[in-house]
Amino acid sequence: MQSSQLVAIIKRLVAMQEDQSAEVQERRFEKDGDLKATVSYDPQAQAFELEDSNTHQQFQFDNIDLVAMELYDLLAD
């Protein structure tokens, strides 16, 4: 049985939230070496910002589940 991609995404997002520094955290999400999205987490605003690498659109989320689902969709394409 294959491990869950969604669990792996959520673990990376939680690590961003749990970082003790006051700096904005940023992670790249790739599939087969191809950059799909960049996500940043601002601890002051307690919000995520996702940038779709294909369209360069930016989306803001204050809910970890919503950003995880959006990332899952981008990585599944």
PDB file of N, CA and C in Angstrom:
ATOM      1  N   MET A   1       0.834  -1.179   0.000  1.00  0.00           N
ATOM      2  CA  MET A   1       0.000   0.000   0.000  1.00  0.00           C
ATOM      3  C   MET A   1       0.878   1.242   0.000  1.00  0.00           C
ATOM      4  N   GLN A   2       0.522   2.197  -0.845  1.00  0.00           N
ATOM      5  CA  GLN A   2       1.276   3.437  -0.975  1.00  0.00           C
ATOM      6  C   GLN A   2       0.945   4.387   0.171  1.00  0.00           C
ATOM      7  N   SER A   3       1.946   5.172   0.598  1.00  0.00           N
ATOM      8  CA  SER A   3       1.680   6.137   1.663  1.00  0.00           C
ATOM      9  C   SER A   3       0.885   7.329   1.109  1.00  0.00           C
ATOM     10  N   SER A   4       0.189   7.997   1.981  1.00  0.00           N
ATOM     11  CA  SER A   4      -0.699   9.093   1.600  1.00  0.00           C
ATOM     12  C   SER A   4       0.077  10.351   1.228  1.00  0.00           C
ATOM     13  N   GLN A   5      -0.216  10.896   0.054  1.00  0.00           N
ATOM     14  CA  GLN A   5       0.395  12.161  -0.352  1.00  0.00           C
ATOM     15  C   GLN A   5      -0.154  13.303   0.485  1.00  0.00           C
ATOM     16  N   LEU A   6      -1.420  13.219   0.852  1.00  0.00           N
ATOM     17  CA  LEU A   6      -2.053  14.278   1.627  1.00  0.00           C
ATOM     18  C   LEU A   6      -1.427  14.394   3.019  1.00  0.00           C
ATOM     19  N   VAL A   7      -1.118  13.264   3.642  1.00  0.00           N
ATOM     20  CA  VAL A   7      -0.472  13.280   4.958  1.00  0.00           C
ATOM     21  C   VAL A   7       0.909  13.931   4.849  1.00  0.00           C
ATOM     22  N   ALA A   8       1.647  13.612   3.808  1.00  0.00           N
ATOM     23  CA  ALA A   8       2.972  14.197   3.612  1.00  0.00           C
ATOM     24  C   ALA A   8       2.880  15.720   3.430  1.00  0.00           C
ATOM     25  N   ILE A   9       1.896  16.178   2.684  1.00  0.00           N
ATOM     26  CA  ILE A   9       1.698  17.618   2.476  1.00  0.00           C
ATOM     27  C   ILE A   9       1.377  18.295   3.803  1.00  0.00           C
ATOM     28  N   ILE A  10       0.459  17.709   4.558  1.00  0.00           N
ATOM     29  CA  ILE A  10       0.056  18.305   5.835  1.00  0.00           C
ATOM     30  C   ILE A  10       1.232  18.346   6.811  1.00  0.00           C
ATOM     31  N   LYS A  11       2.057  17.316   6.843  1.00  0.00           N
ATOM     32  CA  LYS A  11       3.227  17.314   7.727  1.00  0.00           C
ATOM     33  C   LYS A  11       4.168  18.471   7.396  1.00  0.00           C
ATOM     34  N   ARG A  12       4.371  18.745   6.126  1.00  0.00           N
ATOM     35  CA  ARG A  12       5.242  19.862   5.732  1.00  0.00           C
ATOM     36  C   ARG A  12       4.630  21.202   6.124  1.00  0.00           C
ATOM     37  N   LEU A  13       3.318  21.326   5.975  1.00  0.00           N
ATOM     38  CA  LEU A  13       2.645  22.570   6.347  1.00  0.00           C
ATOM     39  C   LEU A  13       2.663  22.776   7.864  1.00  0.00           C
ATOM     40  N   VAL A  14       2.455  21.713   8.619  1.00  0.00           N
ATOM     41  CA  VAL A  14       2.492  21.800  10.084  1.00  0.00           C
ATOM     42  C   VAL A  14       3.894  22.199  10.552  1.00  0.00           C
ATOM     43  N   ALA A  15       4.919  21.656   9.920  1.00  0.00           N
ATOM     44  CA  ALA A  15       6.294  22.024  10.273  1.00  0.00           C
ATOM     45  C   ALA A  15       6.525  23.516  10.064  1.00  0.00           C
ATOM     46  N   MET A  16       5.920  24.072   9.040  1.00  0.00           N
ATOM     47  CA  MET A  16       6.042  25.516   8.804  1.00  0.00           C
ATOM     48  C   MET A  16       5.388  26.292   9.946  1.00  0.00           C
ATOM     49  N   GLN A  17       4.220  25.836  10.392  1.00  0.00           N
ATOM     50  CA  GLN A  17       3.508  26.504  11.480  1.00  0.00           C
ATOM     51  C   GLN A  17       4.248  26.383  12.806  1.00  0.00           C
ATOM     52  N   GLU A  18       4.868  25.254  13.038  1.00  0.00           N
ATOM     53  CA  GLU A  18       5.504  24.992  14.324  1.00  0.00           C
ATOM     54  C   GLU A  18       6.900  25.575  14.446  1.00  0.00           C
ATOM     55  N   ASP A  19       7.449  26.091  13.380  1.00  0.00           N
ATOM     56  CA  ASP A  19       8.771  26.708  13.446  1.00  0.00           C
ATOM     57  C   ASP A  19       8.722  27.866  14.443  1.00  0.00           C
ATOM     58  N   GLN A  20       9.713  27.941  15.310  1.00  0.00           N
ATOM     59  CA  GLN A  20       9.706  28.928  16.392  1.00  0.00           C
ATOM     60  C   GLN A  20      10.224  30.308  15.987  1.00  0.00           C
ATOM     61  N   SER A  21      10.788  30.443  14.809  1.00  0.00           N
ATOM     62  CA  SER A  21      11.282  31.756  14.389  1.00  0.00           C
ATOM     63  C   SER A  21      10.107  32.636  13.974  1.00  0.00           C
ATOM     64  N   ALA A  22      10.331  33.923  14.006  1.00  0.00           N
ATOM     65  CA  ALA A  22       9.279  34.874  13.616  1.00  0.00           C
ATOM     66  C   ALA A  22       9.318  35.163  12.120  1.00  0.00           C
ATOM     67  N   GLU A  23      10.214  34.482  11.411  1.00  0.00           N
ATOM     68  CA  GLU A  23      10.379  34.724   9.981  1.00  0.00           C
ATOM     69  C   GLU A  23       9.361  33.943   9.154  1.00  0.00           C
ATOM     70  N   VAL A  24       9.075  34.458   7.988  1.00  0.00           N
ATOM     71  CA  VAL A  24       8.183  33.777   7.055  1.00  0.00           C
ATOM     72  C   VAL A  24       8.873  32.500   6.579  1.00  0.00           C
ATOM     73  N   GLN A  25       8.155  31.388   6.643  1.00  0.00           N
ATOM     74  CA  GLN A  25       8.658  30.090   6.187  1.00  0.00           C
ATOM     75  C   GLN A  25       8.210  29.871   4.743  1.00  0.00           C
ATOM     76  N   GLU A  26       9.077  29.246   3.937  1.00  0.00           N
ATOM     77  CA  GLU A  26       8.723  28.997   2.543  1.00  0.00           C
ATOM     78  C   GLU A  26       9.127  27.584   2.150  1.00  0.00           C
ATOM     79  N   ARG A  27       8.258  26.919   1.405  1.00  0.00           N
ATOM     80  CA  ARG A  27       8.540  25.567   0.907  1.00  0.00           C
ATOM     81  C   ARG A  27       8.154  25.479  -0.561  1.00  0.00           C
ATOM     82  N   ARG A  28       8.923  24.672  -1.288  1.00  0.00           N
ATOM     83  CA  ARG A  28       8.635  24.401  -2.696  1.00  0.00           C
ATOM     84  C   ARG A  28       8.008  23.017  -2.791  1.00  0.00           C
ATOM     85  N   PHE A  29       6.998  22.885  -3.619  1.00  0.00           N
ATOM     86  CA  PHE A  29       6.331  21.605  -3.835  1.00  0.00           C
ATOM     87  C   PHE A  29       6.504  21.225  -5.296  1.00  0.00           C
ATOM     88  N   GLU A  30       7.175  20.087  -5.507  1.00  0.00           N
ATOM     89  CA  GLU A  30       7.511  19.635  -6.859  1.00  0.00           C
ATOM     90  C   GLU A  30       6.927  18.253  -7.114  1.00  0.00           C
ATOM     91  N   LYS A  31       6.758  17.962  -8.392  1.00  0.00           N
ATOM     92  CA  LYS A  31       6.367  16.615  -8.813  1.00  0.00           C
ATOM     93  C   LYS A  31       7.301  16.216  -9.942  1.00  0.00           C
ATOM     94  N   ASP A  32       8.018  15.129  -9.747  1.00  0.00           N
ATOM     95  CA  ASP A  32       8.982  14.631 -10.738  1.00  0.00           C
ATOM     96  C   ASP A  32       9.975  15.716 -11.156  1.00  0.00           C
ATOM     97  N   GLY A  33      10.415  16.523 -10.183  1.00  0.00           N
ATOM     98  CA  GLY A  33      11.397  17.567 -10.449  1.00  0.00           C
ATOM     99  C   GLY A  33      10.831  18.844 -11.043  1.00  0.00           C
ATOM    100  N   ASP A  34       9.537  18.886 -11.278  1.00  0.00           N
ATOM    101  CA  ASP A  34       8.876  20.050 -11.866  1.00  0.00           C
ATOM    102  C   ASP A  34       8.182  20.847 -10.756  1.00  0.00           C
ATOM    103  N   LEU A  35       8.565  22.099 -10.584  1.00  0.00           N
ATOM    104  CA  LEU A  35       7.974  22.947  -9.553  1.00  0.00           C
ATOM    105  C   LEU A  35       6.503  23.189  -9.854  1.00  0.00           C
ATOM    106  N   LYS A  36       5.646  22.825  -8.908  1.00  0.00           N
ATOM    107  CA  LYS A  36       4.201  23.018  -9.067  1.00  0.00           C
ATOM    108  C   LYS A  36       3.700  24.213  -8.275  1.00  0.00           C
ATOM    109  N   ALA A  37       4.270  24.437  -7.076  1.00  0.00           N
ATOM    110  CA  ALA A  37       3.790  25.534  -6.239  1.00  0.00           C
ATOM    111  C   ALA A  37       4.845  25.898  -5.203  1.00  0.00           C
ATOM    112  N   THR A  38       4.748  27.125  -4.740  1.00  0.00           N
ATOM    113  CA  THR A  38       5.543  27.608  -3.626  1.00  0.00           C
ATOM    114  C   THR A  38       4.560  28.070  -2.558  1.00  0.00           C
ATOM    115  N   VAL A  39       4.818  27.652  -1.334  1.00  0.00           N
ATOM    116  CA  VAL A  39       3.937  28.029  -0.229  1.00  0.00           C
ATOM    117  C   VAL A  39       4.767  28.748   0.822  1.00  0.00           C
ATOM    118  N   SER A  40       4.237  29.858   1.302  1.00  0.00           N
ATOM    119  CA  SER A  40       4.872  30.562   2.409  1.00  0.00           C
ATOM    120  C   SER A  40       3.883  30.653   3.554  1.00  0.00           C
ATOM    121  N   TYR A  41       4.434  30.693   4.775  1.00  0.00           N
ATOM    122  CA  TYR A  41       3.604  30.824   5.971  1.00  0.00           C
ATOM    123  C   TYR A  41       4.109  32.007   6.771  1.00  0.00           C
ATOM    124  N   ASP A  42       3.217  32.944   7.037  1.00  0.00           N
ATOM    125  CA  ASP A  42       3.543  34.132   7.815  1.00  0.00           C
ATOM    126  C   ASP A  42       3.026  33.924   9.235  1.00  0.00           C
ATOM    127  N   PRO A  43       3.939  33.734  10.208  1.00  0.00           N
ATOM    128  CA  PRO A  43       3.483  33.477  11.577  1.00  0.00           C
ATOM    129  C   PRO A  43       2.769  34.674  12.213  1.00  0.00           C
ATOM    130  N   GLN A  44       3.088  35.878  11.788  1.00  0.00           N
ATOM    131  CA  GLN A  44       2.417  37.063  12.332  1.00  0.00           C
ATOM    132  C   GLN A  44       0.944  37.083  11.916  1.00  0.00           C
ATOM    133  N   ALA A  45       0.676  36.814  10.661  1.00  0.00           N
ATOM    134  CA  ALA A  45      -0.694  36.818  10.141  1.00  0.00           C
ATOM    135  C   ALA A  45      -1.379  35.468  10.336  1.00  0.00           C
ATOM    136  N   GLN A  46      -0.598  34.444  10.681  1.00  0.00           N
ATOM    137  CA  GLN A  46      -1.077  33.070  10.790  1.00  0.00           C
ATOM    138  C   GLN A  46      -1.820  32.656   9.520  1.00  0.00           C
ATOM    139  N   ALA A  47      -1.153  32.900   8.374  1.00  0.00           N
ATOM    140  CA  ALA A  47      -1.782  32.615   7.083  1.00  0.00           C
ATOM    141  C   ALA A  47      -0.751  32.042   6.114  1.00  0.00           C
ATOM    142  N   PHE A  48      -1.263  31.200   5.231  1.00  0.00           N
ATOM    143  CA  PHE A  48      -0.462  30.619   4.163  1.00  0.00           C
ATOM    144  C   PHE A  48      -0.718  31.397   2.877  1.00  0.00           C
ATOM    145  N   GLU A  49       0.311  31.462   2.027  1.00  0.00           N
ATOM    146  CA  GLU A  49       0.140  32.002   0.679  1.00  0.00           C
ATOM    147  C   GLU A  49       0.707  30.975  -0.290  1.00  0.00           C
ATOM    148  N   LEU A  50      -0.107  30.579  -1.244  1.00  0.00           N
ATOM    149  CA  LEU A  50       0.284  29.586  -2.244  1.00  0.00           C
ATOM    150  C   LEU A  50       0.409  30.287  -3.584  1.00  0.00           C
ATOM    151  N   GLU A  51       1.522  30.038  -4.273  1.00  0.00           N
ATOM    152  CA  GLU A  51       1.683  30.551  -5.634  1.00  0.00           C
ATOM    153  C   GLU A  51       1.752  29.367  -6.590  1.00  0.00           C
ATOM    154  N   ASP A  52       0.806  29.316  -7.515  1.00  0.00           N
ATOM    155  CA  ASP A  52       0.771  28.293  -8.553  1.00  0.00           C
ATOM    156  C   ASP A  52       1.876  28.629  -9.549  1.00  0.00           C
ATOM    157  N   SER A  53       2.822  27.726  -9.733  1.00  0.00           N
ATOM    158  CA  SER A  53       3.975  27.991 -10.591  1.00  0.00           C
ATOM    159  C   SER A  53       3.621  28.098 -12.068  1.00  0.00           C
ATOM    160  N   ASN A  54       2.530  27.471 -12.483  1.00  0.00           N
ATOM    161  CA  ASN A  54       2.136  27.531 -13.892  1.00  0.00           C
ATOM    162  C   ASN A  54       1.461  28.849 -14.239  1.00  0.00           C
ATOM    163  N   THR A  55       0.558  29.297 -13.391  1.00  0.00           N
ATOM    164  CA  THR A  55      -0.223  30.505 -13.695  1.00  0.00           C
ATOM    165  C   THR A  55       0.275  31.736 -12.961  1.00  0.00           C
ATOM    166  N   HIS A  56       1.145  31.531 -11.967  1.00  0.00           N
ATOM    167  CA  HIS A  56       1.675  32.604 -11.115  1.00  0.00           C
ATOM    168  C   HIS A  56       0.576  33.305 -10.315  1.00  0.00           C
ATOM    169  N   GLN A  57      -0.572  32.645 -10.175  1.00  0.00           N
ATOM    170  CA  GLN A  57      -1.633  33.167  -9.330  1.00  0.00           C
ATOM    171  C   GLN A  57      -1.269  32.897  -7.878  1.00  0.00           C
ATOM    172  N   GLN A  58      -1.657  33.828  -7.006  1.00  0.00           N
ATOM    173  CA  GLN A  58      -1.402  33.673  -5.582  1.00  0.00           C
ATOM    174  C   GLN A  58      -2.730  33.578  -4.840  1.00  0.00           C
ATOM    175  N   PHE A  59      -2.754  32.667  -3.865  1.00  0.00           N
ATOM    176  CA  PHE A  59      -3.948  32.446  -3.068  1.00  0.00           C
ATOM    177  C   PHE A  59      -3.556  32.490  -1.599  1.00  0.00           C
ATOM    178  N   GLN A  60      -4.400  33.086  -0.773  1.00  0.00           N
ATOM    179  CA  GLN A  60      -4.139  33.128   0.662  1.00  0.00           C
ATOM    180  C   GLN A  60      -5.142  32.261   1.400  1.00  0.00           C
ATOM    181  N   PHE A  61      -4.636  31.551   2.421  1.00  0.00           N
ATOM    182  CA  PHE A  61      -5.454  30.640   3.211  1.00  0.00           C
ATOM    183  C   PHE A  61      -5.133  30.843   4.686  1.00  0.00           C
ATOM    184  N   ASP A  62      -6.165  30.809   5.516  1.00  0.00           N
ATOM    185  CA  ASP A  62      -5.944  30.812   6.957  1.00  0.00           C
ATOM    186  C   ASP A  62      -6.309  29.457   7.555  1.00  0.00           C
ATOM    187  N   ASN A  63      -6.533  28.480   6.678  1.00  0.00           N
ATOM    188  CA  ASN A  63      -6.921  27.141   7.093  1.00  0.00           C
ATOM    189  C   ASN A  63      -5.970  26.130   6.446  1.00  0.00           C
ATOM    190  N   ILE A  64      -5.288  25.343   7.264  1.00  0.00           N
ATOM    191  CA  ILE A  64      -4.289  24.397   6.760  1.00  0.00           C
ATOM    192  C   ILE A  64      -4.908  23.333   5.852  1.00  0.00           C
ATOM    193  N   ASP A  65      -6.146  22.943   6.133  1.00  0.00           N
ATOM    194  CA  ASP A  65      -6.809  21.931   5.310  1.00  0.00           C
ATOM    195  C   ASP A  65      -7.044  22.429   3.885  1.00  0.00           C
ATOM    196  N   LEU A  66      -7.432  23.677   3.764  1.00  0.00           N
ATOM    197  CA  LEU A  66      -7.711  24.230   2.438  1.00  0.00           C
ATOM    198  C   LEU A  66      -6.447  24.342   1.590  1.00  0.00           C
ATOM    199  N   VAL A  67      -5.356  24.807   2.186  1.00  0.00           N
ATOM    200  CA  VAL A  67      -4.106  24.903   1.422  1.00  0.00           C
ATOM    201  C   VAL A  67      -3.601  23.508   1.070  1.00  0.00           C
ATOM    202  N   ALA A  68      -3.777  22.535   1.962  1.00  0.00           N
ATOM    203  CA  ALA A  68      -3.349  21.158   1.683  1.00  0.00           C
ATOM    204  C   ALA A  68      -4.138  20.569   0.511  1.00  0.00           C
ATOM    205  N   MET A  69      -5.429  20.814   0.488  1.00  0.00           N
ATOM    206  CA  MET A  69      -6.253  20.288  -0.623  1.00  0.00           C
ATOM    207  C   MET A  69      -5.867  20.938  -1.951  1.00  0.00           C
ATOM    208  N   GLU A  70      -5.603  22.234  -1.934  1.00  0.00           N
ATOM    209  CA  GLU A  70      -5.193  22.929  -3.165  1.00  0.00           C
ATOM    210  C   GLU A  70      -3.854  22.381  -3.656  1.00  0.00           C
ATOM    211  N   LEU A  71      -2.920  22.170  -2.741  1.00  0.00           N
ATOM    212  CA  LEU A  71      -1.627  21.589  -3.117  1.00  0.00           C
ATOM    213  C   LEU A  71      -1.800  20.175  -3.677  1.00  0.00           C
ATOM    214  N   TYR A  72      -2.640  19.392  -3.043  1.00  0.00           N
ATOM    215  CA  TYR A  72      -2.879  18.037  -3.518  1.00  0.00           C
ATOM    216  C   TYR A  72      -3.391  18.050  -4.951  1.00  0.00           C
ATOM    217  N   ASP A  73      -4.333  18.951  -5.234  1.00  0.00           N
ATOM    218  CA  ASP A  73      -4.868  19.067  -6.599  1.00  0.00           C
ATOM    219  C   ASP A  73      -3.776  19.451  -7.596  1.00  0.00           C
ATOM    220  N   LEU A  74      -2.920  20.403  -7.212  1.00  0.00           N
ATOM    221  CA  LEU A  74      -1.850  20.822  -8.117  1.00  0.00           C
ATOM    222  C   LEU A  74      -0.847  19.708  -8.371  1.00  0.00           C
ATOM    223  N   LEU A  75      -0.555  18.938  -7.331  1.00  0.00           N
ATOM    224  CA  LEU A  75       0.426  17.854  -7.470  1.00  0.00           C
ATOM    225  C   LEU A  75      -0.148  16.633  -8.171  1.00  0.00           C
ATOM    226  N   ALA A  76      -1.462  16.484  -8.163  1.00  0.00           N
ATOM    227  CA  ALA A  76      -2.114  15.338  -8.801  1.00  0.00           C
ATOM    228  C   ALA A  76      -2.220  15.501 -10.309  1.00  0.00           C
ATOM    229  N   ASP A  77      -2.155  16.734 -10.797  1.00  0.00           N
ATOM    230  CA  ASP A  77      -2.273  16.985 -12.253  1.00  0.00           C
ATOM    231  C   ASP A  77      -1.115  16.412 -13.017  1.00  0.00           C
TER     232      ASP A  77
END
